[in-house]
Amino acid sequence: MQELQNLHQTIVDETVAEAPAPEQTTKPKAKRGFALLDKDTLKSISKTGGKAAQASQRAHRFNSEEAARAGKLSGIARKNIARLKREQMEPQEAYKALA
């Protein structure tokens, strides 16, 4: 019995010794797309895109009134979701109750 255990341990040790380390089997992640660009180039591209969006009137800037209204609606929604969780409604029922 002892010989069998020794043989098993020898096989396990050899298998572990032959197995590559985990860090050797994974490749490092290659940078792609915007990650390849340096910070100055990326900033330049972003700036150009922002200006183009403003010029074509596709961008929107919140004024203080709109921001306040959005914050108020967010707070109302958060309170409703908390109330529905307290009442332990099913998600589908909760969405119907909010609608």
Protein backbone atom coordinates (compact mmCIF):
# COMPACT_ATOMS: atom_id res chain seq x y z
CA MET A 1 0.00 0.00 0.00
CA GLN A 2 2.82 2.36 0.87
CA GLU A 3 4.46 1.68 -2.50
CA LEU A 4 1.25 2.61 -4.28
CA GLN A 5 1.01 5.89 -2.35
CA ASN A 6 4.65 6.68 -3.16
CA LEU A 7 4.07 5.96 -6.84
CA HIS A 8 0.98 8.17 -6.86
CA GLN A 9 2.89 11.01 -5.16
CA THR A 10 5.72 10.69 -7.68
CA ILE A 11 3.29 10.93 -10.61
CA VAL A 12 1.58 13.96 -9.08
CA ASP A 13 4.93 15.70 -8.46
CA GLU A 14 6.08 15.07 -12.05
CA THR A 15 2.79 16.33 -13.47
CA VAL A 16 2.94 19.53 -11.42
CA ALA A 17 6.56 20.09 -12.40
CA GLU A 18 5.74 19.72 -16.12
CA ALA A 19 2.69 22.00 -16.03
CA PRO A 20 3.38 25.58 -17.15
CA ALA A 21 2.82 28.35 -14.65
CA PRO A 22 -0.47 30.23 -15.12
CA GLU A 23 1.27 33.51 -15.95
CA GLN A 24 3.09 31.80 -18.81
CA THR A 25 -0.09 30.57 -20.49
CA THR A 26 -1.90 33.92 -20.64
CA LYS A 27 -0.90 36.58 -23.11
CA PRO A 28 -0.71 40.18 -22.02
CA LYS A 29 -3.62 42.27 -23.24
CA ALA A 30 -2.70 44.26 -26.32
CA LYS A 31 -3.80 47.87 -26.52
CA ARG A 32 -6.22 48.62 -29.31
CA GLY A 33 -8.04 51.63 -30.70
CA PHE A 34 -7.90 54.78 -28.62
CA ALA A 35 -5.75 53.06 -25.99
CA LEU A 36 -2.85 53.18 -28.46
CA LEU A 37 -2.94 56.97 -28.69
CA ASP A 38 -0.93 59.25 -26.47
CA LYS A 39 -2.80 61.66 -24.16
CA ASP A 40 -2.27 64.75 -26.33
CA THR A 41 -3.62 63.10 -29.49
CA LEU A 42 -6.59 61.69 -27.60
CA LYS A 43 -7.35 65.09 -26.07
CA SER A 44 -7.17 66.71 -29.51
CA ILE A 45 -9.60 64.19 -31.02
CA SER A 46 -12.01 64.60 -28.10
CA LYS A 47 -11.86 68.37 -28.34
CA THR A 48 -12.57 68.28 -32.08
CA GLY A 49 -15.54 65.95 -31.55
CA GLY A 50 -16.99 68.18 -28.85
CA LYS A 51 -16.70 71.27 -31.02
CA ALA A 52 -18.31 69.47 -33.96
CA ALA A 53 -21.21 68.31 -31.77
CA GLN A 54 -21.80 71.85 -30.54
CA ALA A 55 -21.60 73.27 -34.06
CA SER A 56 -24.12 70.77 -35.43
CA GLN A 57 -26.41 71.39 -32.43
CA ARG A 58 -26.36 67.73 -31.46
CA ALA A 59 -24.83 68.40 -28.06
CA HIS A 60 -26.83 69.65 -25.11
CA ARG A 61 -25.70 71.66 -22.13
CA PHE A 62 -27.83 71.59 -19.02
CA ASN A 63 -28.66 74.89 -17.45
CA SER A 64 -29.23 75.06 -13.69
CA GLU A 65 -33.02 74.72 -14.00
CA GLU A 66 -32.79 71.56 -16.10
CA ALA A 67 -30.20 70.09 -13.76
CA ALA A 68 -32.40 70.79 -10.73
CA ARG A 69 -35.41 69.18 -12.43
CA ALA A 70 -33.36 66.09 -13.38
CA GLY A 71 -32.10 65.77 -9.81
CA LYS A 72 -35.59 66.05 -8.42
CA LEU A 73 -36.89 63.35 -10.78
CA SER A 74 -33.98 61.10 -9.85
CA GLY A 75 -34.81 61.51 -6.16
CA ILE A 76 -38.47 60.72 -6.77
CA ALA A 77 -37.58 57.60 -8.75
CA ARG A 78 -35.15 56.47 -6.03
CA LYS A 79 -37.82 56.85 -3.35
CA ASN A 80 -40.36 54.93 -5.43
CA ILE A 81 -37.93 52.09 -6.03
CA ALA A 82 -37.09 51.95 -2.31
CA ARG A 83 -40.80 51.86 -1.46
CA LEU A 84 -41.41 49.05 -3.92
CA LYS A 85 -38.49 47.09 -2.51
CA ARG A 86 -39.90 47.52 0.99
CA GLU A 87 -43.23 46.20 -0.23
CA GLN A 88 -41.30 43.33 -1.87
CA MET A 89 -43.06 43.58 -5.18
CA GLU A 90 -41.93 41.47 -8.07
CA PRO A 91 -39.85 43.44 -10.62
CA GLN A 92 -42.52 43.28 -13.32
CA GLU A 93 -45.15 44.51 -10.90
CA ALA A 94 -42.83 47.28 -9.76
CA TYR A 95 -42.34 48.57 -13.29
CA LYS A 96 -46.10 48.51 -13.88
CA ALA A 97 -46.68 50.45 -10.67
CA LEU A 98 -44.20 53.13 -11.75
CA ALA A 99 -45.79 53.52 -15.18
